[in-house]
Amino acid sequence: MAKFLYRMQNILNIKYQLEEQAKMEYAQANLRLQEEEEKMQDLLNRKKAYEEESKQLLSGSLNVLDIRENRDALSKMQEYIKAQEVQVREAEKLVIRAMKKLTGVMQERKAQEKLKENAFQVFLQEENAKESKEIDELVSFTYGKKRREGNHG
């Protein structure tokens, strides 16, 4: 049997490479999103700590300076949280874009694999047809030879 060579194998190989690259980009985008979400959680935890401190400051003997510092810290923390929300949303957008890209290159790769499979099926059919033809020719030759030998004997 002849060896099957897919004439567009180099394109399929490129599709595999693009898919691997897209997987890496998706993983990096996910990692960044996790980091941004962790930063957000840290900021929320710090804000909660300032809120607890605020309750304690207001329940004990009132120290105006401490209360003012606490309010300023809470206000700053709220600004940081708003800024971090933007970072989280940007990271989420990157993940979505990376996922769309990955999905697209996976579909392209699967389409190329299907083309290769179809080409292989055509190859098998052609090989089977050649083999059948060779067998038919051999049988005809053998039959003809026996017939000739039978007439001469």
C-alpha atoms as a PDB file:
ATOM      1  CA  MET A   1       0.000   0.000   0.000  1.00  0.00           C
ATOM      2  CA  ALA A   2       1.243   3.496  -0.800  1.00  0.00           C
ATOM      3  CA  LYS A   3       1.962   5.914   1.995  1.00  0.00           C
ATOM      4  CA  PHE A   4      -0.680   8.577   2.680  1.00  0.00           C
ATOM      5  CA  LEU A   5       0.670  12.107   2.391  1.00  0.00           C
ATOM      6  CA  TYR A   6      -1.694  14.956   3.213  1.00  0.00           C
ATOM      7  CA  ARG A   7      -0.749  17.795   0.901  1.00  0.00           C
ATOM      8  CA  MET A   8      -1.998  20.439   3.360  1.00  0.00           C
ATOM      9  CA  GLN A   9      -0.211  18.990   6.413  1.00  0.00           C
ATOM     10  CA  ASN A  10       1.843  22.177   6.812  1.00  0.00           C
ATOM     11  CA  ILE A  11      -1.384  24.172   7.176  1.00  0.00           C
ATOM     12  CA  LEU A  12      -2.684  21.705   9.766  1.00  0.00           C
ATOM     13  CA  ASN A  13       0.609  21.995  11.649  1.00  0.00           C
ATOM     14  CA  ILE A  14       0.235  25.787  11.693  1.00  0.00           C
ATOM     15  CA  LYS A  15      -3.306  25.373  13.042  1.00  0.00           C
ATOM     16  CA  TYR A  16      -1.933  23.208  15.872  1.00  0.00           C
ATOM     17  CA  GLN A  17       0.671  25.879  16.676  1.00  0.00           C
ATOM     18  CA  LEU A  18      -1.918  28.659  16.623  1.00  0.00           C
ATOM     19  CA  GLU A  19      -4.139  26.640  18.935  1.00  0.00           C
ATOM     20  CA  GLU A  20      -1.297  26.085  21.408  1.00  0.00           C
ATOM     21  CA  GLN A  21      -0.490  29.798  21.327  1.00  0.00           C
ATOM     22  CA  ALA A  22      -4.150  30.696  21.900  1.00  0.00           C
ATOM     23  CA  LYS A  23      -4.309  28.242  24.826  1.00  0.00           C
ATOM     24  CA  MET A  24      -1.286  29.934  26.392  1.00  0.00           C
ATOM     25  CA  GLU A  25      -2.799  33.394  25.886  1.00  0.00           C
ATOM     26  CA  TYR A  26      -6.046  32.201  27.460  1.00  0.00           C
ATOM     27  CA  ALA A  27      -4.168  30.760  30.436  1.00  0.00           C
ATOM     28  CA  GLN A  28      -2.254  34.025  30.879  1.00  0.00           C
ATOM     29  CA  ALA A  29      -5.467  36.047  30.697  1.00  0.00           C
ATOM     30  CA  ASN A  30      -7.068  33.776  33.288  1.00  0.00           C
ATOM     31  CA  LEU A  31      -4.040  34.124  35.544  1.00  0.00           C
ATOM     32  CA  ARG A  32      -4.190  37.908  35.284  1.00  0.00           C
ATOM     33  CA  LEU A  33      -7.900  37.855  36.110  1.00  0.00           C
ATOM     34  CA  GLN A  34      -7.229  35.728  39.194  1.00  0.00           C
ATOM     35  CA  GLU A  35      -4.505  38.144  40.304  1.00  0.00           C
ATOM     36  CA  GLU A  36      -6.789  41.159  39.832  1.00  0.00           C
ATOM     37  CA  GLU A  37      -9.604  39.428  41.705  1.00  0.00           C
ATOM     38  CA  GLU A  38      -7.209  38.611  44.553  1.00  0.00           C
ATOM     39  CA  LYS A  39      -6.135  42.268  44.705  1.00  0.00           C
ATOM     40  CA  MET A  40      -9.811  43.238  44.839  1.00  0.00           C
ATOM     41  CA  GLN A  41     -10.458  40.800  47.658  1.00  0.00           C
ATOM     42  CA  ASP A  42      -7.481  42.205  49.587  1.00  0.00           C
ATOM     43  CA  LEU A  43      -8.838  45.743  49.170  1.00  0.00           C
ATOM     44  CA  LEU A  44     -12.306  44.652  50.294  1.00  0.00           C
ATOM     45  CA  ASN A  45     -10.792  42.955  53.337  1.00  0.00           C
ATOM     46  CA  ARG A  46      -8.830  46.096  54.190  1.00  0.00           C
ATOM     47  CA  LYS A  47     -11.971  48.206  53.800  1.00  0.00           C
ATOM     48  CA  LYS A  48     -13.853  45.877  56.102  1.00  0.00           C
ATOM     49  CA  ALA A  49     -11.051  46.192  58.668  1.00  0.00           C
ATOM     50  CA  TYR A  50     -11.283  50.002  58.499  1.00  0.00           C
ATOM     51  CA  GLU A  51     -15.061  49.776  58.923  1.00  0.00           C
ATOM     52  CA  GLU A  52     -14.589  47.603  62.028  1.00  0.00           C
ATOM     53  CA  GLU A  53     -12.021  50.057  63.339  1.00  0.00           C
ATOM     54  CA  SER A  54     -14.477  52.883  62.683  1.00  0.00           C
ATOM     55  CA  LYS A  55     -17.154  51.170  64.798  1.00  0.00           C
ATOM     56  CA  GLN A  56     -14.656  50.722  67.625  1.00  0.00           C
ATOM     57  CA  LEU A  57     -13.518  54.348  67.416  1.00  0.00           C
ATOM     58  CA  LEU A  58     -17.096  55.587  67.570  1.00  0.00           C
ATOM     59  CA  SER A  59     -18.079  53.305  70.452  1.00  0.00           C
ATOM     60  CA  GLY A  60     -15.217  54.189  72.775  1.00  0.00           C
ATOM     61  CA  SER A  61     -13.930  57.533  73.933  1.00  0.00           C
ATOM     62  CA  LEU A  62     -14.041  59.788  70.884  1.00  0.00           C
ATOM     63  CA  ASN A  63     -10.661  60.733  69.455  1.00  0.00           C
ATOM     64  CA  VAL A  64     -11.419  63.134  66.622  1.00  0.00           C
ATOM     65  CA  LEU A  65      -8.007  62.716  64.981  1.00  0.00           C
ATOM     66  CA  ASP A  66      -8.284  58.907  64.893  1.00  0.00           C
ATOM     67  CA  ILE A  67     -11.847  59.113  63.553  1.00  0.00           C
ATOM     68  CA  ARG A  68     -10.778  61.547  60.804  1.00  0.00           C
ATOM     69  CA  GLU A  69      -7.800  59.352  59.839  1.00  0.00           C
ATOM     70  CA  ASN A  70     -10.063  56.330  59.710  1.00  0.00           C
ATOM     71  CA  ARG A  71     -12.587  58.143  57.477  1.00  0.00           C
ATOM     72  CA  ASP A  72      -9.784  59.272  55.167  1.00  0.00           C
ATOM     73  CA  ALA A  73      -8.460  55.715  54.985  1.00  0.00           C
ATOM     74  CA  LEU A  74     -11.973  54.402  54.212  1.00  0.00           C
ATOM     75  CA  SER A  75     -12.399  57.033  51.509  1.00  0.00           C
ATOM     76  CA  LYS A  76      -9.037  56.158  49.948  1.00  0.00           C
ATOM     77  CA  MET A  77      -9.875  52.463  50.138  1.00  0.00           C
ATOM     78  CA  GLN A  78     -13.130  53.129  48.258  1.00  0.00           C
ATOM     79  CA  GLU A  79     -11.121  54.907  45.516  1.00  0.00           C
ATOM     80  CA  TYR A  80      -8.729  51.967  45.307  1.00  0.00           C
ATOM     81  CA  ILE A  81     -11.661  49.564  45.061  1.00  0.00           C
ATOM     82  CA  LYS A  82     -13.228  51.558  42.206  1.00  0.00           C
ATOM     83  CA  ALA A  83      -9.900  51.578  40.367  1.00  0.00           C
ATOM     84  CA  GLN A  84      -9.493  47.856  40.990  1.00  0.00           C
ATOM     85  CA  GLU A  85     -13.001  47.188  39.663  1.00  0.00           C
ATOM     86  CA  VAL A  86     -11.819  48.699  36.366  1.00  0.00           C
ATOM     87  CA  GLN A  87      -8.771  46.405  36.394  1.00  0.00           C
ATOM     88  CA  VAL A  88     -10.939  43.357  37.063  1.00  0.00           C
ATOM     89  CA  ARG A  89     -13.328  44.284  34.222  1.00  0.00           C
ATOM     90  CA  GLU A  90     -10.377  44.749  31.838  1.00  0.00           C
ATOM     91  CA  ALA A  91      -8.970  41.367  32.855  1.00  0.00           C
ATOM     92  CA  GLU A  92     -12.403  39.796  32.295  1.00  0.00           C
ATOM     93  CA  LYS A  93     -12.531  41.325  28.794  1.00  0.00           C
ATOM     94  CA  LEU A  94      -9.107  39.876  28.041  1.00  0.00           C
ATOM     95  CA  VAL A  95     -10.282  36.436  29.144  1.00  0.00           C
ATOM     96  CA  ILE A  96     -13.364  36.698  26.919  1.00  0.00           C
ATOM     97  CA  ARG A  97     -11.279  37.807  23.924  1.00  0.00           C
ATOM     98  CA  ALA A  98      -8.756  35.034  24.529  1.00  0.00           C
ATOM     99  CA  MET A  99     -11.568  32.465  24.794  1.00  0.00           C
ATOM    100  CA  LYS A 100     -13.131  33.667  21.523  1.00  0.00           C
ATOM    101  CA  LYS A 101      -9.747  33.472  19.806  1.00  0.00           C
ATOM    102  CA  LEU A 102      -9.118  30.001  21.195  1.00  0.00           C
ATOM    103  CA  THR A 103     -12.554  28.821  20.103  1.00  0.00           C
ATOM    104  CA  GLY A 104     -11.940  30.179  16.609  1.00  0.00           C
ATOM    105  CA  VAL A 105      -8.560  28.528  16.148  1.00  0.00           C
ATOM    106  CA  MET A 106      -9.897  25.255  17.557  1.00  0.00           C
ATOM    107  CA  GLN A 107     -12.711  25.315  14.986  1.00  0.00           C
ATOM    108  CA  GLU A 108     -10.193  26.015  12.199  1.00  0.00           C
ATOM    109  CA  ARG A 109      -7.993  23.149  13.394  1.00  0.00           C
ATOM    110  CA  LYS A 110     -10.960  20.778  13.553  1.00  0.00           C
ATOM    111  CA  ALA A 111     -11.981  21.793  10.030  1.00  0.00           C
ATOM    112  CA  GLN A 112      -8.448  21.036   8.783  1.00  0.00           C
ATOM    113  CA  GLU A 113      -8.479  17.683  10.580  1.00  0.00           C
ATOM    114  CA  LYS A 114     -11.812  16.862   8.911  1.00  0.00           C
ATOM    115  CA  LEU A 115     -10.328  17.755   5.512  1.00  0.00           C
ATOM    116  CA  LYS A 116      -7.381  15.480   6.251  1.00  0.00           C
ATOM    117  CA  GLU A 117      -9.720  12.657   7.296  1.00  0.00           C
ATOM    118  CA  ASN A 118     -11.737  13.111   4.100  1.00  0.00           C
ATOM    119  CA  ALA A 119      -8.552  13.084   2.024  1.00  0.00           C
ATOM    120  CA  PHE A 120      -7.464   9.901   3.808  1.00  0.00           C
ATOM    121  CA  GLN A 121     -10.820   8.240   3.022  1.00  0.00           C
ATOM    122  CA  VAL A 122     -10.423   9.167  -0.659  1.00  0.00           C
ATOM    123  CA  PHE A 123      -6.882   7.779  -0.550  1.00  0.00           C
ATOM    124  CA  LEU A 124      -8.151   4.490   0.934  1.00  0.00           C
ATOM    125  CA  GLN A 125     -10.850   4.221  -1.722  1.00  0.00           C
ATOM    126  CA  GLU A 126      -8.294   4.834  -4.469  1.00  0.00           C
ATOM    127  CA  GLU A 127      -5.925   2.249  -2.970  1.00  0.00           C
ATOM    128  CA  ASN A 128      -8.748  -0.294  -2.707  1.00  0.00           C
ATOM    129  CA  ALA A 129      -9.727   0.393  -6.322  1.00  0.00           C
ATOM    130  CA  LYS A 130      -6.091  -0.093  -7.457  1.00  0.00           C
ATOM    131  CA  GLU A 131      -5.845  -3.302  -5.450  1.00  0.00           C
ATOM    132  CA  SER A 132      -9.112  -4.626  -6.917  1.00  0.00           C
ATOM    133  CA  LYS A 133      -7.941  -3.763 -10.414  1.00  0.00           C
ATOM    134  CA  GLU A 134      -4.614  -5.531  -9.841  1.00  0.00           C
ATOM    135  CA  ILE A 135      -6.429  -8.598  -8.491  1.00  0.00           C
ATOM    136  CA  ASP A 136      -8.815  -8.575 -11.459  1.00  0.00           C
ATOM    137  CA  GLU A 137      -5.881  -8.301 -13.872  1.00  0.00           C
ATOM    138  CA  LEU A 138      -4.052 -11.117 -12.092  1.00  0.00           C
ATOM    139  CA  VAL A 139      -7.154 -13.327 -12.131  1.00  0.00           C
ATOM    140  CA  SER A 140      -7.737 -12.547 -15.830  1.00  0.00           C
ATOM    141  CA  PHE A 141      -4.109 -13.254 -16.644  1.00  0.00           C
ATOM    142  CA  THR A 142      -4.122 -16.501 -14.663  1.00  0.00           C
ATOM    143  CA  TYR A 143      -7.451 -17.582 -16.179  1.00  0.00           C
ATOM    144  CA  GLY A 144      -6.253 -16.706 -19.679  1.00  0.00           C
ATOM    145  CA  LYS A 145      -2.971 -18.561 -19.135  1.00  0.00           C
ATOM    146  CA  LYS A 146      -4.751 -21.691 -17.875  1.00  0.00           C
ATOM    147  CA  ARG A 147      -7.139 -21.534 -20.783  1.00  0.00           C
ATOM    148  CA  ARG A 148      -4.300 -21.286 -23.274  1.00  0.00           C
ATOM    149  CA  GLU A 149      -2.451 -24.116 -21.544  1.00  0.00           C
ATOM    150  CA  GLY A 150      -5.613 -26.192 -21.563  1.00  0.00           C
ATOM    151  CA  ASN A 151      -6.048 -25.751 -25.330  1.00  0.00           C
ATOM    152  CA  HIS A 152      -2.467 -26.783 -26.016  1.00  0.00           C
ATOM    153  CA  GLY A 153      -2.333 -29.768 -23.740  1.00  0.00           C
END
